[in-house]
Amino acid sequence: MFMEGGCTCRHVRYRLTSKPMIVHACHCTWCQRETGTVHALNAMYEAERVEHIAAEPEIIDTPSASGKGQKIARCPICKIAVWSNYPGAGPAVRFVRVGTMDDPRQCPPDVHIFTSTRQPWVTFPPGAKVFAEYYRIDEVWSDEAKERRRALRERTKRS
């Protein structure tokens, strides 16, 4: 499965070489403020599965709700955010903004998180995985995604 995406002006382009480990719809107030909408929709990929096929993004250090900050990869021209790196996973995991994919329909949310602060008029489809805060990975992630995470952690330890 290969997908491509990038910023609005097409200066920054990327290719995704697999399906994501998981897709989060985060409804926290921080994501609402940062995106200017009701939630952030991020597909988690190992960094090596996000290939640059055009210009490199600029990396911007920004504050976060945790106080640890995050690094947002933005187009240096149109300033669109294409992915983030959060301190927990560091540069090894990219949270790719689904809306920057050429075909975002391929990445619907697997899970809705931090819904305790969702906008009151937001509703969820029947059967959606919905969590007031976060969740336990072992209870939500597929076996394949858990194996990819385990392998990534092993590689990161050796680096």
C-alpha atoms as a PDB file:
ATOM      1  CA  MET A   1       0.000   0.000   0.000  1.00  0.00           C
ATOM      2  CA  PHE A   2       1.586   3.232  -1.141  1.00  0.00           C
ATOM      3  CA  MET A   3      -0.018   6.601  -0.580  1.00  0.00           C
ATOM      4  CA  GLU A   4       1.306  10.047  -1.253  1.00  0.00           C
ATOM      5  CA  GLY A   5       0.577  13.428   0.162  1.00  0.00           C
ATOM      6  CA  GLY A   6       1.991  16.815   0.933  1.00  0.00           C
ATOM      7  CA  CYS A   7       1.294  20.444   1.573  1.00  0.00           C
ATOM      8  CA  THR A   8      -1.129  22.675  -0.292  1.00  0.00           C
ATOM      9  CA  CYS A   9       1.455  24.258  -2.594  1.00  0.00           C
ATOM     10  CA  ARG A  10       3.016  20.809  -3.335  1.00  0.00           C
ATOM     11  CA  HIS A  11       6.511  21.988  -2.349  1.00  0.00           C
ATOM     12  CA  VAL A  12       6.693  19.300   0.378  1.00  0.00           C
ATOM     13  CA  ARG A  13       5.658  15.831  -0.788  1.00  0.00           C
ATOM     14  CA  TYR A  14       5.886  12.443   0.913  1.00  0.00           C
ATOM     15  CA  ARG A  15       5.167   8.788   0.149  1.00  0.00           C
ATOM     16  CA  LEU A  16       3.797   6.380   2.762  1.00  0.00           C
ATOM     17  CA  THR A  17       5.135   2.869   2.206  1.00  0.00           C
ATOM     18  CA  SER A  18       2.569   0.959   4.269  1.00  0.00           C
ATOM     19  CA  LYS A  19      -0.699   1.388   6.047  1.00  0.00           C
ATOM     20  CA  PRO A  20      -0.476   3.284   9.353  1.00  0.00           C
ATOM     21  CA  MET A  21      -0.059   1.553  12.695  1.00  0.00           C
ATOM     22  CA  ILE A  22      -3.195   3.364  13.882  1.00  0.00           C
ATOM     23  CA  VAL A  23      -5.197   6.490  13.091  1.00  0.00           C
ATOM     24  CA  HIS A  24      -6.181   8.754  15.993  1.00  0.00           C
ATOM     25  CA  ALA A  25      -8.932  11.333  16.015  1.00  0.00           C
ATOM     26  CA  CYS A  26      -7.847  13.444  18.987  1.00  0.00           C
ATOM     27  CA  HIS A  27     -10.552  15.639  20.469  1.00  0.00           C
ATOM     28  CA  CYS A  28      -8.419  17.353  23.142  1.00  0.00           C
ATOM     29  CA  THR A  29      -8.758  21.116  23.389  1.00  0.00           C
ATOM     30  CA  TRP A  30      -5.100  21.533  22.433  1.00  0.00           C
ATOM     31  CA  CYS A  31      -5.639  19.758  19.098  1.00  0.00           C
ATOM     32  CA  GLN A  32      -8.820  21.746  18.555  1.00  0.00           C
ATOM     33  CA  ARG A  33      -6.899  24.986  19.003  1.00  0.00           C
ATOM     34  CA  GLU A  34      -3.902  23.876  16.941  1.00  0.00           C
ATOM     35  CA  THR A  35      -5.968  22.681  13.968  1.00  0.00           C
ATOM     36  CA  GLY A  36      -8.778  25.218  14.201  1.00  0.00           C
ATOM     37  CA  THR A  37     -11.352  22.443  14.033  1.00  0.00           C
ATOM     38  CA  VAL A  38     -12.995  19.814  16.266  1.00  0.00           C
ATOM     39  CA  HIS A  39     -10.191  17.253  16.237  1.00  0.00           C
ATOM     40  CA  ALA A  40      -6.817  16.347  14.813  1.00  0.00           C
ATOM     41  CA  LEU A  41      -6.702  13.280  12.566  1.00  0.00           C
ATOM     42  CA  ASN A  42      -3.245  11.706  12.693  1.00  0.00           C
ATOM     43  CA  ALA A  43      -1.982   8.459  11.154  1.00  0.00           C
ATOM     44  CA  MET A  44       0.968   6.982  13.054  1.00  0.00           C
ATOM     45  CA  TYR A  45       3.891   5.750  10.937  1.00  0.00           C
ATOM     46  CA  GLU A  46       7.432   4.703  11.646  1.00  0.00           C
ATOM     47  CA  ALA A  47       9.615   7.538  10.325  1.00  0.00           C
ATOM     48  CA  GLU A  48      11.304   5.263   7.774  1.00  0.00           C
ATOM     49  CA  ARG A  49       7.899   4.529   6.213  1.00  0.00           C
ATOM     50  CA  VAL A  50       7.431   8.234   5.400  1.00  0.00           C
ATOM     51  CA  GLU A  51       9.668   8.957   2.427  1.00  0.00           C
ATOM     52  CA  HIS A  52      10.361  12.488   1.230  1.00  0.00           C
ATOM     53  CA  ILE A  53       9.779  12.771  -2.522  1.00  0.00           C
ATOM     54  CA  ALA A  54      10.111  16.555  -2.824  1.00  0.00           C
ATOM     55  CA  ALA A  55      11.419  19.343  -0.593  1.00  0.00           C
ATOM     56  CA  GLU A  56      12.097  18.786   3.091  1.00  0.00           C
ATOM     57  CA  PRO A  57       9.709  20.388   5.569  1.00  0.00           C
ATOM     58  CA  GLU A  58      10.936  22.802   8.202  1.00  0.00           C
ATOM     59  CA  ILE A  59      10.712  21.497  11.751  1.00  0.00           C
ATOM     60  CA  ILE A  60       9.086  23.887  14.198  1.00  0.00           C
ATOM     61  CA  ASP A  61       9.280  23.394  17.967  1.00  0.00           C
ATOM     62  CA  THR A  62       5.885  24.186  19.444  1.00  0.00           C
ATOM     63  CA  PRO A  63       4.377  23.974  22.927  1.00  0.00           C
ATOM     64  CA  SER A  64       1.999  21.152  23.824  1.00  0.00           C
ATOM     65  CA  ALA A  65      -0.518  20.351  26.526  1.00  0.00           C
ATOM     66  CA  SER A  66       1.966  17.988  28.208  1.00  0.00           C
ATOM     67  CA  GLY A  67       4.487  20.790  28.585  1.00  0.00           C
ATOM     68  CA  LYS A  68       7.060  18.686  26.710  1.00  0.00           C
ATOM     69  CA  GLY A  69       6.433  20.339  23.356  1.00  0.00           C
ATOM     70  CA  GLN A  70       6.205  18.776  19.940  1.00  0.00           C
ATOM     71  CA  LYS A  71       7.976  19.174  16.639  1.00  0.00           C
ATOM     72  CA  ILE A  72       5.718  20.028  13.709  1.00  0.00           C
ATOM     73  CA  ALA A  73       6.944  19.497  10.142  1.00  0.00           C
ATOM     74  CA  ARG A  74       5.630  22.366   8.023  1.00  0.00           C
ATOM     75  CA  CYS A  75       6.092  23.460   4.455  1.00  0.00           C
ATOM     76  CA  PRO A  76       8.527  26.398   4.462  1.00  0.00           C
ATOM     77  CA  ILE A  77       6.383  28.126   1.804  1.00  0.00           C
ATOM     78  CA  CYS A  78       2.676  27.559   2.567  1.00  0.00           C
ATOM     79  CA  LYS A  79       3.241  26.605   6.261  1.00  0.00           C
ATOM     80  CA  ILE A  80       0.868  23.614   6.151  1.00  0.00           C
ATOM     81  CA  ALA A  81       1.626  21.049   8.886  1.00  0.00           C
ATOM     82  CA  VAL A  82       2.255  17.623   7.323  1.00  0.00           C
ATOM     83  CA  TRP A  83       3.245  15.654  10.455  1.00  0.00           C
ATOM     84  CA  SER A  84       4.305  15.950  14.082  1.00  0.00           C
ATOM     85  CA  ASN A  85       6.767  14.209  16.335  1.00  0.00           C
ATOM     86  CA  TYR A  86       5.805  13.978  20.004  1.00  0.00           C
ATOM     87  CA  PRO A  87       8.303  13.531  22.852  1.00  0.00           C
ATOM     88  CA  GLY A  88       7.080  10.045  23.828  1.00  0.00           C
ATOM     89  CA  ALA A  89       8.183   8.488  20.535  1.00  0.00           C
ATOM     90  CA  GLY A  90      10.585  11.196  19.415  1.00  0.00           C
ATOM     91  CA  PRO A  91      11.712  11.310  15.783  1.00  0.00           C
ATOM     92  CA  ALA A  92      11.053   7.567  15.303  1.00  0.00           C
ATOM     93  CA  VAL A  93       7.279   8.034  14.844  1.00  0.00           C
ATOM     94  CA  ARG A  94       5.549  10.531  12.611  1.00  0.00           C
ATOM     95  CA  PHE A  95       1.956  11.510  13.234  1.00  0.00           C
ATOM     96  CA  VAL A  96       0.991  12.264   9.632  1.00  0.00           C
ATOM     97  CA  ARG A  97      -1.888  14.683   9.179  1.00  0.00           C
ATOM     98  CA  VAL A  98      -4.467  12.619   7.311  1.00  0.00           C
ATOM     99  CA  GLY A  99      -5.853  15.716   5.598  1.00  0.00           C
ATOM    100  CA  THR A 100      -2.511  16.175   3.783  1.00  0.00           C
ATOM    101  CA  MET A 101      -2.809  12.777   2.083  1.00  0.00           C
ATOM    102  CA  ASP A 102      -3.813  12.759  -1.571  1.00  0.00           C
ATOM    103  CA  ASP A 103      -6.627  10.336  -0.693  1.00  0.00           C
ATOM    104  CA  PRO A 104      -7.482  10.827   2.995  1.00  0.00           C
ATOM    105  CA  ARG A 105     -10.508   8.519   2.637  1.00  0.00           C
ATOM    106  CA  GLN A 106      -8.042   5.623   2.991  1.00  0.00           C
ATOM    107  CA  CYS A 107      -7.343   6.539   6.635  1.00  0.00           C
ATOM    108  CA  PRO A 108     -10.542   6.867   8.652  1.00  0.00           C
ATOM    109  CA  PRO A 109     -10.024   7.044  12.418  1.00  0.00           C
ATOM    110  CA  ASP A 110      -9.453   3.770  14.240  1.00  0.00           C
ATOM    111  CA  VAL A 111     -10.044   5.389  17.593  1.00  0.00           C
ATOM    112  CA  HIS A 112     -11.356   8.657  19.054  1.00  0.00           C
ATOM    113  CA  ILE A 113      -9.348   9.897  22.037  1.00  0.00           C
ATOM    114  CA  PHE A 114      -9.719  12.623  24.658  1.00  0.00           C
ATOM    115  CA  THR A 115     -13.420  12.786  23.926  1.00  0.00           C
ATOM    116  CA  SER A 116     -14.112  14.159  27.419  1.00  0.00           C
ATOM    117  CA  THR A 117     -13.324  17.555  25.862  1.00  0.00           C
ATOM    118  CA  ARG A 118     -14.984  17.012  22.484  1.00  0.00           C
ATOM    119  CA  GLN A 119     -17.397  19.625  21.266  1.00  0.00           C
ATOM    120  CA  PRO A 120     -20.854  18.672  22.577  1.00  0.00           C
ATOM    121  CA  TRP A 121     -22.387  18.432  19.097  1.00  0.00           C
ATOM    122  CA  VAL A 122     -19.789  15.921  17.843  1.00  0.00           C
ATOM    123  CA  THR A 123     -21.292  12.435  17.495  1.00  0.00           C
ATOM    124  CA  PHE A 124     -19.606   9.134  16.755  1.00  0.00           C
ATOM    125  CA  PRO A 125     -20.661   6.408  14.349  1.00  0.00           C
ATOM    126  CA  PRO A 126     -22.074   3.191  15.810  1.00  0.00           C
ATOM    127  CA  GLY A 127     -19.304   0.830  16.856  1.00  0.00           C
ATOM    128  CA  ALA A 128     -16.602   3.522  16.983  1.00  0.00           C
ATOM    129  CA  LYS A 129     -13.839   3.056  19.551  1.00  0.00           C
ATOM    130  CA  VAL A 130     -14.274   6.079  21.817  1.00  0.00           C
ATOM    131  CA  PHE A 131     -12.207   6.919  24.904  1.00  0.00           C
ATOM    132  CA  ALA A 132     -12.714   9.780  27.342  1.00  0.00           C
ATOM    133  CA  GLU A 133      -8.936  10.123  27.628  1.00  0.00           C
ATOM    134  CA  TYR A 134      -6.360   7.698  26.203  1.00  0.00           C
ATOM    135  CA  TYR A 135      -6.470   3.897  25.939  1.00  0.00           C
ATOM    136  CA  ARG A 136      -4.357   0.808  26.535  1.00  0.00           C
ATOM    137  CA  ILE A 137      -2.447  -0.092  23.369  1.00  0.00           C
ATOM    138  CA  ASP A 138      -2.858  -3.821  24.011  1.00  0.00           C
ATOM    139  CA  GLU A 139      -6.633  -3.401  23.949  1.00  0.00           C
ATOM    140  CA  VAL A 140      -6.896  -1.308  20.776  1.00  0.00           C
ATOM    141  CA  TRP A 141      -4.017  -1.886  18.367  1.00  0.00           C
ATOM    142  CA  SER A 142      -4.029  -4.761  15.889  1.00  0.00           C
ATOM    143  CA  ASP A 143      -1.507  -7.563  16.370  1.00  0.00           C
ATOM    144  CA  GLU A 144       0.383  -6.364  13.290  1.00  0.00           C
ATOM    145  CA  ALA A 145       0.611  -2.805  14.636  1.00  0.00           C
ATOM    146  CA  LYS A 146       1.766  -4.045  18.050  1.00  0.00           C
ATOM    147  CA  GLU A 147       4.501  -6.069  16.336  1.00  0.00           C
ATOM    148  CA  ARG A 148       5.598  -3.031  14.307  1.00  0.00           C
ATOM    149  CA  ARG A 149       5.711  -0.992  17.523  1.00  0.00           C
ATOM    150  CA  ARG A 150       7.754  -3.688  19.265  1.00  0.00           C
ATOM    151  CA  ALA A 151      10.227  -3.842  16.352  1.00  0.00           C
ATOM    152  CA  LEU A 152      10.494  -0.056  16.294  1.00  0.00           C
ATOM    153  CA  ARG A 153      11.247   0.057  20.015  1.00  0.00           C
ATOM    154  CA  GLU A 154      13.951  -2.577  19.554  1.00  0.00           C
ATOM    155  CA  ARG A 155      15.565  -0.616  16.701  1.00  0.00           C
ATOM    156  CA  THR A 156      15.382   2.586  18.735  1.00  0.00           C
ATOM    157  CA  LYS A 157      17.084   0.949  21.735  1.00  0.00           C
ATOM    158  CA  ARG A 158      20.005  -0.140  19.553  1.00  0.00           C
ATOM    159  CA  SER A 159      20.485   3.323  18.044  1.00  0.00           C
END
